[in-house]
mmCIF file of all heavy atoms, coordinates in Angstrom:
data_MODEL
# 
_entry.id   MODEL 
# 
loop_
_atom_site.group_PDB 
_atom_site.id 
_atom_site.type_symbol 
_atom_site.label_atom_id 
_atom_site.label_alt_id 
_atom_site.label_comp_id 
_atom_site.label_asym_id 
_atom_site.label_entity_id 
_atom_site.label_seq_id 
_atom_site.pdbx_PDB_ins_code 
_atom_site.Cartn_x 
_atom_site.Cartn_y 
_atom_site.Cartn_z 
_atom_site.occupancy 
_atom_site.B_iso_or_equiv 
_atom_site.pdbx_formal_charge 
_atom_site.auth_seq_id 
_atom_site.auth_comp_id 
_atom_site.auth_asym_id 
_atom_site.auth_atom_id 
_atom_site.pdbx_PDB_model_num 
ATOM 1   N N   . ASN A 1 1  ? 237.989 145.656 349.162 1.00 0.00 ? 1  ASN A N   1 
ATOM 2   C CA  . ASN A 1 1  ? 239.080 145.716 348.046 1.00 0.00 ? 1  ASN A CA  1 
ATOM 3   C C   . ASN A 1 1  ? 239.901 146.954 348.189 1.00 0.00 ? 1  ASN A C   1 
ATOM 4   O O   . ASN A 1 1  ? 241.123 146.870 348.135 1.00 0.00 ? 1  ASN A O   1 
ATOM 5   C CB  . ASN A 1 1  ? 238.411 145.888 346.611 1.00 0.00 ? 1  ASN A CB  1 
ATOM 6   C CG  . ASN A 1 1  ? 237.836 144.540 346.221 1.00 0.00 ? 1  ASN A CG  1 
ATOM 7   O OD1 . ASN A 1 1  ? 238.097 143.412 346.604 1.00 0.00 ? 1  ASN A OD1 1 
ATOM 8   N ND2 . ASN A 1 1  ? 237.053 144.532 345.107 1.00 0.00 ? 1  ASN A ND2 1 
ATOM 9   N N   . ILE A 1 2  ? 239.227 148.183 348.546 1.00 0.00 ? 2  ILE A N   1 
ATOM 10  C CA  . ILE A 1 2  ? 239.951 149.305 348.859 1.00 0.00 ? 2  ILE A CA  1 
ATOM 11  C C   . ILE A 1 2  ? 241.042 149.116 350.060 1.00 0.00 ? 2  ILE A C   1 
ATOM 12  O O   . ILE A 1 2  ? 242.149 149.384 350.043 1.00 0.00 ? 2  ILE A O   1 
ATOM 13  C CB  . ILE A 1 2  ? 239.116 150.514 349.117 1.00 0.00 ? 2  ILE A CB  1 
ATOM 14  C CG1 . ILE A 1 2  ? 238.402 150.933 347.864 1.00 0.00 ? 2  ILE A CG1 1 
ATOM 15  C CG2 . ILE A 1 2  ? 239.889 151.678 349.678 1.00 0.00 ? 2  ILE A CG2 1 
ATOM 16  C CD1 . ILE A 1 2  ? 237.245 152.012 348.056 1.00 0.00 ? 2  ILE A CD1 1 
ATOM 17  N N   . GLN A 1 3  ? 240.508 148.434 351.166 1.00 0.00 ? 3  GLN A N   1 
ATOM 18  C CA  . GLN A 1 3  ? 241.239 148.244 352.312 1.00 0.00 ? 3  GLN A CA  1 
ATOM 19  C C   . GLN A 1 3  ? 242.504 147.239 351.971 1.00 0.00 ? 3  GLN A C   1 
ATOM 20  O O   . GLN A 1 3  ? 243.505 147.415 352.485 1.00 0.00 ? 3  GLN A O   1 
ATOM 21  C CB  . GLN A 1 3  ? 240.359 147.746 353.404 1.00 0.00 ? 3  GLN A CB  1 
ATOM 22  C CG  . GLN A 1 3  ? 239.502 148.779 353.900 1.00 0.00 ? 3  GLN A CG  1 
ATOM 23  C CD  . GLN A 1 3  ? 238.448 148.154 354.954 1.00 0.00 ? 3  GLN A CD  1 
ATOM 24  O OE1 . GLN A 1 3  ? 238.097 147.053 354.883 1.00 0.00 ? 3  GLN A OE1 1 
ATOM 25  N NE2 . GLN A 1 3  ? 237.975 149.070 355.871 1.00 0.00 ? 3  GLN A NE2 1 
ATOM 26  N N   . PHE A 1 4  ? 242.079 146.391 351.119 1.00 0.00 ? 4  PHE A N   1 
ATOM 27  C CA  . PHE A 1 4  ? 243.233 145.355 350.750 1.00 0.00 ? 4  PHE A CA  1 
ATOM 28  C C   . PHE A 1 4  ? 244.341 146.123 350.009 1.00 0.00 ? 4  PHE A C   1 
ATOM 29  O O   . PHE A 1 4  ? 245.552 145.824 350.225 1.00 0.00 ? 4  PHE A O   1 
ATOM 30  C CB  . PHE A 1 4  ? 242.600 144.178 349.786 1.00 0.00 ? 4  PHE A CB  1 
ATOM 31  C CG  . PHE A 1 4  ? 243.742 143.277 349.438 1.00 0.00 ? 4  PHE A CG  1 
ATOM 32  C CD1 . PHE A 1 4  ? 244.104 142.180 350.394 1.00 0.00 ? 4  PHE A CD1 1 
ATOM 33  C CD2 . PHE A 1 4  ? 244.296 143.313 348.218 1.00 0.00 ? 4  PHE A CD2 1 
ATOM 34  C CE1 . PHE A 1 4  ? 245.121 141.288 349.926 1.00 0.00 ? 4  PHE A CE1 1 
ATOM 35  C CE2 . PHE A 1 4  ? 245.361 142.379 347.828 1.00 0.00 ? 4  PHE A CE2 1 
ATOM 36  C CZ  . PHE A 1 4  ? 245.676 141.451 348.678 1.00 0.00 ? 4  PHE A CZ  1 
ATOM 37  N N   . LEU A 1 5  ? 243.832 146.945 349.060 1.00 0.00 ? 5  LEU A N   1 
ATOM 38  C CA  . LEU A 1 5  ? 244.911 147.726 348.264 1.00 0.00 ? 5  LEU A CA  1 
ATOM 39  C C   . LEU A 1 5  ? 245.659 148.729 349.052 1.00 0.00 ? 5  LEU A C   1 
ATOM 40  O O   . LEU A 1 5  ? 246.876 149.228 348.676 1.00 0.00 ? 5  LEU A O   1 
ATOM 41  C CB  . LEU A 1 5  ? 244.164 148.311 347.075 1.00 0.00 ? 5  LEU A CB  1 
ATOM 42  C CG  . LEU A 1 5  ? 243.668 147.459 345.937 1.00 0.00 ? 5  LEU A CG  1 
ATOM 43  C CD1 . LEU A 1 5  ? 242.743 148.182 345.037 1.00 0.00 ? 5  LEU A CD1 1 
ATOM 44  C CD2 . LEU A 1 5  ? 244.822 146.770 345.237 1.00 0.00 ? 5  LEU A CD2 1 
ATOM 45  N N   . GLN A 1 6  ? 245.128 149.141 350.127 1.00 0.00 ? 6  GLN A N   1 
ATOM 46  C CA  . GLN A 1 6  ? 245.896 149.913 351.146 1.00 0.00 ? 6  GLN A CA  1 
ATOM 47  C C   . GLN A 1 6  ? 246.978 149.210 351.751 1.00 0.00 ? 6  GLN A C   1 
ATOM 48  O O   . GLN A 1 6  ? 247.956 149.739 352.152 1.00 0.00 ? 6  GLN A O   1 
ATOM 49  C CB  . GLN A 1 6  ? 244.873 150.513 352.213 1.00 0.00 ? 6  GLN A CB  1 
ATOM 50  C CG  . GLN A 1 6  ? 244.127 151.622 351.679 1.00 0.00 ? 6  GLN A CG  1 
ATOM 51  C CD  . GLN A 1 6  ? 243.027 152.197 352.756 1.00 0.00 ? 6  GLN A CD  1 
ATOM 52  O OE1 . GLN A 1 6  ? 242.689 151.342 353.639 1.00 0.00 ? 6  GLN A OE1 1 
ATOM 53  N NE2 . GLN A 1 6  ? 242.562 153.406 352.577 1.00 0.00 ? 6  GLN A NE2 1 
ATOM 54  N N   . ILE A 1 7  ? 246.711 147.876 351.865 1.00 0.00 ? 7  ILE A N   1 
ATOM 55  C CA  . ILE A 1 7  ? 247.919 146.961 352.581 1.00 0.00 ? 7  ILE A CA  1 
ATOM 56  C C   . ILE A 1 7  ? 248.896 146.625 351.439 1.00 0.00 ? 7  ILE A C   1 
ATOM 57  O O   . ILE A 1 7  ? 250.066 146.758 351.687 1.00 0.00 ? 7  ILE A O   1 
ATOM 58  C CB  . ILE A 1 7  ? 247.308 145.739 352.918 1.00 0.00 ? 7  ILE A CB  1 
ATOM 59  C CG1 . ILE A 1 7  ? 246.212 145.938 354.150 1.00 0.00 ? 7  ILE A CG1 1 
ATOM 60  C CG2 . ILE A 1 7  ? 248.287 144.665 353.550 1.00 0.00 ? 7  ILE A CG2 1 
ATOM 61  C CD1 . ILE A 1 7  ? 245.307 144.675 354.488 1.00 0.00 ? 7  ILE A CD1 1 
ATOM 62  N N   . SER A 1 8  ? 248.397 146.293 350.258 1.00 0.00 ? 8  SER A N   1 
ATOM 63  C CA  . SER A 1 8  ? 249.364 146.071 349.148 1.00 0.00 ? 8  SER A CA  1 
ATOM 64  C C   . SER A 1 8  ? 248.650 146.336 347.809 1.00 0.00 ? 8  SER A C   1 
ATOM 65  O O   . SER A 1 8  ? 247.580 145.677 347.443 1.00 0.00 ? 8  SER A O   1 
ATOM 66  C CB  . SER A 1 8  ? 249.667 144.596 349.152 1.00 0.00 ? 8  SER A CB  1 
ATOM 67  O OG  . SER A 1 8  ? 250.531 144.199 348.059 1.00 0.00 ? 8  SER A OG  1 
ATOM 68  N N   . SER A 1 9  ? 249.206 147.314 347.020 1.00 0.00 ? 9  SER A N   1 
ATOM 69  C CA  . SER A 1 9  ? 248.601 147.763 345.906 1.00 0.00 ? 9  SER A CA  1 
ATOM 70  C C   . SER A 1 9  ? 249.163 147.126 344.676 1.00 0.00 ? 9  SER A C   1 
ATOM 71  O O   . SER A 1 9  ? 248.820 147.687 343.479 1.00 0.00 ? 9  SER A O   1 
ATOM 72  C CB  . SER A 1 9  ? 248.487 149.218 345.777 1.00 0.00 ? 9  SER A CB  1 
ATOM 73  O OG  . SER A 1 9  ? 249.880 149.766 345.773 1.00 0.00 ? 9  SER A OG  1 
ATOM 74  N N   . ALA A 1 10 ? 249.991 146.210 344.626 1.00 0.00 ? 10 ALA A N   1 
ATOM 75  C CA  . ALA A 1 10 ? 250.579 145.544 343.574 1.00 0.00 ? 10 ALA A CA  1 
ATOM 76  C C   . ALA A 1 10 ? 249.558 144.598 342.864 1.00 0.00 ? 10 ALA A C   1 
ATOM 77  O O   . ALA A 1 10 ? 248.942 143.807 343.690 1.00 0.00 ? 10 ALA A O   1 
ATOM 78  C CB  . ALA A 1 10 ? 251.888 144.800 343.817 1.00 0.00 ? 10 ALA A CB  1 
ATOM 79  N N   . ILE A 1 11 ? 249.330 144.594 341.559 1.00 0.00 ? 11 ILE A N   1 
ATOM 80  C CA  . ILE A 1 11 ? 248.287 143.851 340.830 1.00 0.00 ? 11 ILE A CA  1 
ATOM 81  C C   . ILE A 1 11 ? 248.879 143.172 339.818 1.00 0.00 ? 11 ILE A C   1 
ATOM 82  O O   . ILE A 1 11 ? 249.696 143.811 338.910 1.00 0.00 ? 11 ILE A O   1 
ATOM 83  C CB  . ILE A 1 11 ? 247.207 144.737 340.400 1.00 0.00 ? 11 ILE A CB  1 
ATOM 84  C CG1 . ILE A 1 11 ? 246.546 145.519 341.656 1.00 0.00 ? 11 ILE A CG1 1 
ATOM 85  C CG2 . ILE A 1 11 ? 246.120 144.028 339.675 1.00 0.00 ? 11 ILE A CG2 1 
ATOM 86  C CD1 . ILE A 1 11 ? 245.499 146.503 341.262 1.00 0.00 ? 11 ILE A CD1 1 
ATOM 87  N N   . TYR A 1 12 ? 248.629 141.875 339.499 1.00 0.00 ? 12 TYR A N   1 
ATOM 88  C CA  . TYR A 1 12 ? 249.014 141.234 338.303 1.00 0.00 ? 12 TYR A CA  1 
ATOM 89  C C   . TYR A 1 12 ? 247.606 141.173 337.475 1.00 0.00 ? 12 TYR A C   1 
ATOM 90  O O   . TYR A 1 12 ? 246.772 140.551 337.869 1.00 0.00 ? 12 TYR A O   1 
ATOM 91  C CB  . TYR A 1 12 ? 249.541 139.823 338.641 1.00 0.00 ? 12 TYR A CB  1 
ATOM 92  C CG  . TYR A 1 12 ? 250.018 139.157 337.364 1.00 0.00 ? 12 TYR A CG  1 
ATOM 93  C CD1 . TYR A 1 12 ? 251.353 139.177 337.085 1.00 0.00 ? 12 TYR A CD1 1 
ATOM 94  C CD2 . TYR A 1 12 ? 249.166 138.424 336.443 1.00 0.00 ? 12 TYR A CD2 1 
ATOM 95  C CE1 . TYR A 1 12 ? 251.742 138.586 335.848 1.00 0.00 ? 12 TYR A CE1 1 
ATOM 96  C CE2 . TYR A 1 12 ? 249.638 137.775 335.437 1.00 0.00 ? 12 TYR A CE2 1 
ATOM 97  C CZ  . TYR A 1 12 ? 250.999 137.868 335.006 1.00 0.00 ? 12 TYR A CZ  1 
ATOM 98  O OH  . TYR A 1 12 ? 251.315 137.320 333.964 1.00 0.00 ? 12 TYR A OH  1 
ATOM 99  N N   . CYS A 1 13 ? 247.745 141.577 336.184 1.00 0.00 ? 13 CYS A N   1 
ATOM 100 C CA  . CYS A 1 13 ? 246.650 141.566 335.282 1.00 0.00 ? 13 CYS A CA  1 
ATOM 101 C C   . CYS A 1 13 ? 246.799 140.315 334.464 1.00 0.00 ? 13 CYS A C   1 
ATOM 102 O O   . CYS A 1 13 ? 247.756 140.254 333.627 1.00 0.00 ? 13 CYS A O   1 
ATOM 103 C CB  . CYS A 1 13 ? 246.471 142.849 334.584 1.00 0.00 ? 13 CYS A CB  1 
ATOM 104 S SG  . CYS A 1 13 ? 246.116 144.278 335.487 1.00 0.00 ? 13 CYS A SG  1 
ATOM 105 N N   . LEU A 1 14 ? 245.907 139.398 334.485 1.00 0.00 ? 14 LEU A N   1 
ATOM 106 C CA  . LEU A 1 14 ? 245.854 138.142 333.753 1.00 0.00 ? 14 LEU A CA  1 
ATOM 107 C C   . LEU A 1 14 ? 244.982 138.295 332.595 1.00 0.00 ? 14 LEU A C   1 
ATOM 108 O O   . LEU A 1 14 ? 243.773 138.689 332.651 1.00 0.00 ? 14 LEU A O   1 
ATOM 109 C CB  . LEU A 1 14 ? 245.473 137.040 334.633 1.00 0.00 ? 14 LEU A CB  1 
ATOM 110 C CG  . LEU A 1 14 ? 245.364 135.551 334.051 1.00 0.00 ? 14 LEU A CG  1 
ATOM 111 C CD1 . LEU A 1 14 ? 246.679 135.069 333.579 1.00 0.00 ? 14 LEU A CD1 1 
ATOM 112 C CD2 . LEU A 1 14 ? 244.746 134.687 335.106 1.00 0.00 ? 14 LEU A CD2 1 
ATOM 113 N N   . HIS A 1 15 ? 245.557 137.921 331.436 1.00 0.00 ? 15 HIS A N   1 
ATOM 114 C CA  . HIS A 1 15 ? 244.696 137.964 330.167 1.00 0.00 ? 15 HIS A CA  1 
ATOM 115 C C   . HIS A 1 15 ? 243.692 136.692 330.105 1.00 0.00 ? 15 HIS A C   1 
ATOM 116 O O   . HIS A 1 15 ? 244.140 135.612 330.498 1.00 0.00 ? 15 HIS A O   1 
ATOM 117 C CB  . HIS A 1 15 ? 245.547 137.929 328.861 1.00 0.00 ? 15 HIS A CB  1 
ATOM 118 C CG  . HIS A 1 15 ? 244.710 137.960 327.664 1.00 0.00 ? 15 HIS A CG  1 
ATOM 119 N ND1 . HIS A 1 15 ? 244.160 139.132 327.278 1.00 0.00 ? 15 HIS A ND1 1 
ATOM 120 C CD2 . HIS A 1 15 ? 244.487 137.062 326.704 1.00 0.00 ? 15 HIS A CD2 1 
ATOM 121 C CE1 . HIS A 1 15 ? 243.429 138.942 326.124 1.00 0.00 ? 15 HIS A CE1 1 
ATOM 122 N NE2 . HIS A 1 15 ? 243.644 137.608 325.733 1.00 0.00 ? 15 HIS A NE2 1 
ATOM 123 N N   . GLY A 1 16 ? 242.571 137.028 329.821 1.00 0.00 ? 16 GLY A N   1 
ATOM 124 C CA  . GLY A 1 16 ? 241.448 135.946 329.685 1.00 0.00 ? 16 GLY A CA  1 
ATOM 125 C C   . GLY A 1 16 ? 240.373 136.243 330.487 1.00 0.00 ? 16 GLY A C   1 
ATOM 126 O O   . GLY A 1 16 ? 240.330 137.027 331.532 1.00 0.00 ? 16 GLY A O   1 
ATOM 127 N N   . VAL A 1 17 ? 238.989 135.530 330.080 1.00 0.00 ? 17 VAL A N   1 
ATOM 128 C CA  . VAL A 1 17 ? 237.795 135.749 330.716 1.00 0.00 ? 17 VAL A CA  1 
ATOM 129 C C   . VAL A 1 17 ? 237.523 134.496 331.498 1.00 0.00 ? 17 VAL A C   1 
ATOM 130 O O   . VAL A 1 17 ? 237.273 133.493 330.777 1.00 0.00 ? 17 VAL A O   1 
ATOM 131 C CB  . VAL A 1 17 ? 236.721 136.170 329.664 1.00 0.00 ? 17 VAL A CB  1 
ATOM 132 C CG1 . VAL A 1 17 ? 235.362 136.097 330.389 1.00 0.00 ? 17 VAL A CG1 1 
ATOM 133 C CG2 . VAL A 1 17 ? 237.061 137.489 329.103 1.00 0.00 ? 17 VAL A CG2 1 
ATOM 134 N N   . TYR A 1 18 ? 237.503 134.449 332.759 1.00 0.00 ? 18 TYR A N   1 
ATOM 135 C CA  . TYR A 1 18 ? 237.258 133.204 333.553 1.00 0.00 ? 18 TYR A CA  1 
ATOM 136 C C   . TYR A 1 18 ? 236.286 133.233 334.598 1.00 0.00 ? 18 TYR A C   1 
ATOM 137 O O   . TYR A 1 18 ? 236.089 132.354 335.330 1.00 0.00 ? 18 TYR A O   1 
ATOM 138 C CB  . TYR A 1 18 ? 238.655 132.820 334.132 1.00 0.00 ? 18 TYR A CB  1 
ATOM 139 C CG  . TYR A 1 18 ? 239.794 132.760 333.138 1.00 0.00 ? 18 TYR A CG  1 
ATOM 140 C CD1 . TYR A 1 18 ? 240.902 133.630 333.255 1.00 0.00 ? 18 TYR A CD1 1 
ATOM 141 C CD2 . TYR A 1 18 ? 239.845 131.764 332.192 1.00 0.00 ? 18 TYR A CD2 1 
ATOM 142 C CE1 . TYR A 1 18 ? 241.848 133.618 332.385 1.00 0.00 ? 18 TYR A CE1 1 
ATOM 143 C CE2 . TYR A 1 18 ? 240.851 131.670 331.284 1.00 0.00 ? 18 TYR A CE2 1 
ATOM 144 C CZ  . TYR A 1 18 ? 241.969 132.543 331.361 1.00 0.00 ? 18 TYR A CZ  1 
ATOM 145 O OH  . TYR A 1 18 ? 242.976 132.451 330.623 1.00 0.00 ? 18 TYR A OH  1 
ATOM 146 N N   . TYR A 1 19 ? 235.321 134.203 334.567 1.00 0.00 ? 19 TYR A N   1 
ATOM 147 C CA  . TYR A 1 19 ? 234.308 134.301 335.464 1.00 0.00 ? 19 TYR A CA  1 
ATOM 148 C C   . TYR A 1 19 ? 232.973 134.612 334.700 1.00 0.00 ? 19 TYR A C   1 
ATOM 149 O O   . TYR A 1 19 ? 233.022 135.667 333.923 1.00 0.00 ? 19 TYR A O   1 
ATOM 150 C CB  . TYR A 1 19 ? 234.555 135.349 336.581 1.00 0.00 ? 19 TYR A CB  1 
ATOM 151 C CG  . TYR A 1 19 ? 233.615 135.356 337.762 1.00 0.00 ? 19 TYR A CG  1 
ATOM 152 C CD1 . TYR A 1 19 ? 234.064 134.756 338.995 1.00 0.00 ? 19 TYR A CD1 1 
ATOM 153 C CD2 . TYR A 1 19 ? 232.454 135.835 337.703 1.00 0.00 ? 19 TYR A CD2 1 
ATOM 154 C CE1 . TYR A 1 19 ? 233.154 134.781 340.170 1.00 0.00 ? 19 TYR A CE1 1 
ATOM 155 C CE2 . TYR A 1 19 ? 231.502 135.802 338.749 1.00 0.00 ? 19 TYR A CE2 1 
ATOM 156 C CZ  . TYR A 1 19 ? 231.921 135.257 339.991 1.00 0.00 ? 19 TYR A CZ  1 
ATOM 157 O OH  . TYR A 1 19 ? 231.188 135.236 341.090 1.00 0.00 ? 19 TYR A OH  1 
ATOM 158 N N   . LYS A 1 20 ? 231.990 134.006 334.976 1.00 0.00 ? 20 LYS A N   1 
ATOM 159 C CA  . LYS A 1 20 ? 230.726 134.255 334.432 1.00 0.00 ? 20 LYS A CA  1 
ATOM 160 C C   . LYS A 1 20 ? 229.653 134.699 335.462 1.00 0.00 ? 20 LYS A C   1 
ATOM 161 O O   . LYS A 1 20 ? 229.379 134.043 336.437 1.00 0.00 ? 20 LYS A O   1 
ATOM 162 C CB  . LYS A 1 20 ? 229.990 133.101 333.594 1.00 0.00 ? 20 LYS A CB  1 
ATOM 163 C CG  . LYS A 1 20 ? 228.804 133.464 332.777 1.00 0.00 ? 20 LYS A CG  1 
ATOM 164 C CD  . LYS A 1 20 ? 228.447 132.304 331.930 1.00 0.00 ? 20 LYS A CD  1 
ATOM 165 C CE  . LYS A 1 20 ? 227.282 132.735 330.981 1.00 0.00 ? 20 LYS A CE  1 
ATOM 166 N NZ  . LYS A 1 20 ? 226.884 131.684 329.997 1.00 0.00 ? 20 LYS A NZ  1 
ATOM 167 N N   . GLN A 1 21 ? 229.117 136.020 335.297 1.00 0.00 ? 21 GLN A N   1 
ATOM 168 C CA  . GLN A 1 21 ? 228.214 136.532 336.148 1.00 0.00 ? 21 GLN A CA  1 
ATOM 169 C C   . GLN A 1 21 ? 226.796 136.510 335.589 1.00 0.00 ? 21 GLN A C   1 
ATOM 170 O O   . GLN A 1 21 ? 226.510 137.084 334.530 1.00 0.00 ? 21 GLN A O   1 
ATOM 171 C CB  . GLN A 1 21 ? 228.574 138.027 336.498 1.00 0.00 ? 21 GLN A CB  1 
ATOM 172 C CG  . GLN A 1 21 ? 227.793 138.625 337.567 1.00 0.00 ? 21 GLN A CG  1 
ATOM 173 C CD  . GLN A 1 21 ? 228.148 140.048 337.938 1.00 0.00 ? 21 GLN A CD  1 
ATOM 174 O OE1 . GLN A 1 21 ? 228.858 140.655 337.142 1.00 0.00 ? 21 GLN A OE1 1 
ATOM 175 N NE2 . GLN A 1 21 ? 227.778 140.422 339.131 1.00 0.00 ? 21 GLN A NE2 1 
ATOM 176 N N   . TYR A 1 22 ? 225.859 135.848 336.190 1.00 0.00 ? 22 TYR A N   1 
ATOM 177 C CA  . TYR A 1 22 ? 224.524 135.653 335.728 1.00 0.00 ? 22 TYR A CA  1 
ATOM 178 C C   . TYR A 1 22 ? 223.664 136.932 336.321 1.00 0.00 ? 22 TYR A C   1 
ATOM 179 O O   . TYR A 1 22 ? 222.803 136.671 337.214 1.00 0.00 ? 22 TYR A O   1 
ATOM 180 C CB  . TYR A 1 22 ? 223.931 134.377 336.193 1.00 0.00 ? 22 TYR A CB  1 
ATOM 181 C CG  . TYR A 1 22 ? 224.575 133.198 335.443 1.00 0.00 ? 22 TYR A CG  1 
ATOM 182 C CD1 . TYR A 1 22 ? 225.670 132.580 335.889 1.00 0.00 ? 22 TYR A CD1 1 
ATOM 183 C CD2 . TYR A 1 22 ? 224.035 132.724 334.199 1.00 0.00 ? 22 TYR A CD2 1 
ATOM 184 C CE1 . TYR A 1 22 ? 226.314 131.457 335.212 1.00 0.00 ? 22 TYR A CE1 1 
ATOM 185 C CE2 . TYR A 1 22 ? 224.570 131.581 333.566 1.00 0.00 ? 22 TYR A CE2 1 
ATOM 186 C CZ  . TYR A 1 22 ? 225.649 131.075 334.057 1.00 0.00 ? 22 TYR A CZ  1 
ATOM 187 O OH  . TYR A 1 22 ? 226.283 130.018 333.424 1.00 0.00 ? 22 TYR A OH  1 
ATOM 188 N N   . ASP A 1 23 ? 223.914 138.016 335.946 1.00 0.00 ? 23 ASP A N   1 
ATOM 189 C CA  . ASP A 1 23 ? 223.449 139.181 336.506 1.00 0.00 ? 23 ASP A CA  1 
ATOM 190 C C   . ASP A 1 23 ? 222.014 139.658 336.060 1.00 0.00 ? 23 ASP A C   1 
ATOM 191 O O   . ASP A 1 23 ? 221.434 140.697 336.510 1.00 0.00 ? 23 ASP A O   1 
ATOM 192 C CB  . ASP A 1 23 ? 224.258 140.437 336.281 1.00 0.00 ? 23 ASP A CB  1 
ATOM 193 C CG  . ASP A 1 23 ? 224.440 140.828 334.740 1.00 0.00 ? 23 ASP A CG  1 
ATOM 194 O OD1 . ASP A 1 23 ? 224.363 139.969 333.983 1.00 0.00 ? 23 ASP A OD1 1 
ATOM 195 O OD2 . ASP A 1 23 ? 224.858 142.005 334.525 1.00 0.00 ? 23 ASP A OD2 1 
ATOM 196 N N   . THR A 1 24 ? 221.430 138.795 335.131 1.00 0.00 ? 24 THR A N   1 
ATOM 197 C CA  . THR A 1 24 ? 220.002 139.119 334.817 1.00 0.00 ? 24 THR A CA  1 
ATOM 198 C C   . THR A 1 24 ? 218.954 138.187 335.423 1.00 0.00 ? 24 THR A C   1 
ATOM 199 O O   . THR A 1 24 ? 217.764 138.329 335.246 1.00 0.00 ? 24 THR A O   1 
ATOM 200 C CB  . THR A 1 24 ? 219.882 138.856 333.190 1.00 0.00 ? 24 THR A CB  1 
ATOM 201 O OG1 . THR A 1 24 ? 220.253 137.560 332.875 1.00 0.00 ? 24 THR A OG1 1 
ATOM 202 C CG2 . THR A 1 24 ? 220.714 139.849 332.457 1.00 0.00 ? 24 THR A CG2 1 
ATOM 203 N N   . GLU A 1 25 ? 219.633 137.241 336.297 1.00 0.00 ? 25 GLU A N   1 
ATOM 204 C CA  . GLU A 1 25 ? 218.637 136.360 337.143 1.00 0.00 ? 25 GLU A CA  1 
ATOM 205 C C   . GLU A 1 25 ? 217.976 137.113 338.252 1.00 0.00 ? 25 GLU A C   1 
ATOM 206 O O   . GLU A 1 25 ? 218.523 138.067 338.775 1.00 0.00 ? 25 GLU A O   1 
ATOM 207 C CB  . GLU A 1 25 ? 219.433 135.087 337.540 1.00 0.00 ? 25 GLU A CB  1 
ATOM 208 C CG  . GLU A 1 25 ? 219.942 134.288 336.328 1.00 0.00 ? 25 GLU A CG  1 
ATOM 209 C CD  . GLU A 1 25 ? 220.488 132.990 336.741 1.00 0.00 ? 25 GLU A CD  1 
ATOM 210 O OE1 . GLU A 1 25 ? 220.777 132.709 338.086 1.00 0.00 ? 25 GLU A OE1 1 
ATOM 211 O OE2 . GLU A 1 25 ? 220.775 132.146 335.913 1.00 0.00 ? 25 GLU A OE2 1 
ATOM 212 N N   . SER A 1 26 ? 216.915 136.502 338.727 1.00 0.00 ? 26 SER A N   1 
ATOM 213 C CA  . SER A 1 26 ? 216.186 137.149 339.807 1.00 0.00 ? 26 SER A CA  1 
ATOM 214 C C   . SER A 1 26 ? 217.158 137.124 341.029 1.00 0.00 ? 26 SER A C   1 
ATOM 215 O O   . SER A 1 26 ? 217.674 136.226 341.406 1.00 0.00 ? 26 SER A O   1 
ATOM 216 C CB  . SER A 1 26 ? 214.892 136.290 340.152 1.00 0.00 ? 26 SER A CB  1 
ATOM 217 O OG  . SER A 1 26 ? 214.231 136.797 341.285 1.00 0.00 ? 26 SER A OG  1 
# 
């Protein structure tokens, strides 16, 4: 991500929650 932002650091921030991370699973 850091290397990508060195190429292009313009970001569009989209409102909304669209990804679910199951971070308590084994």
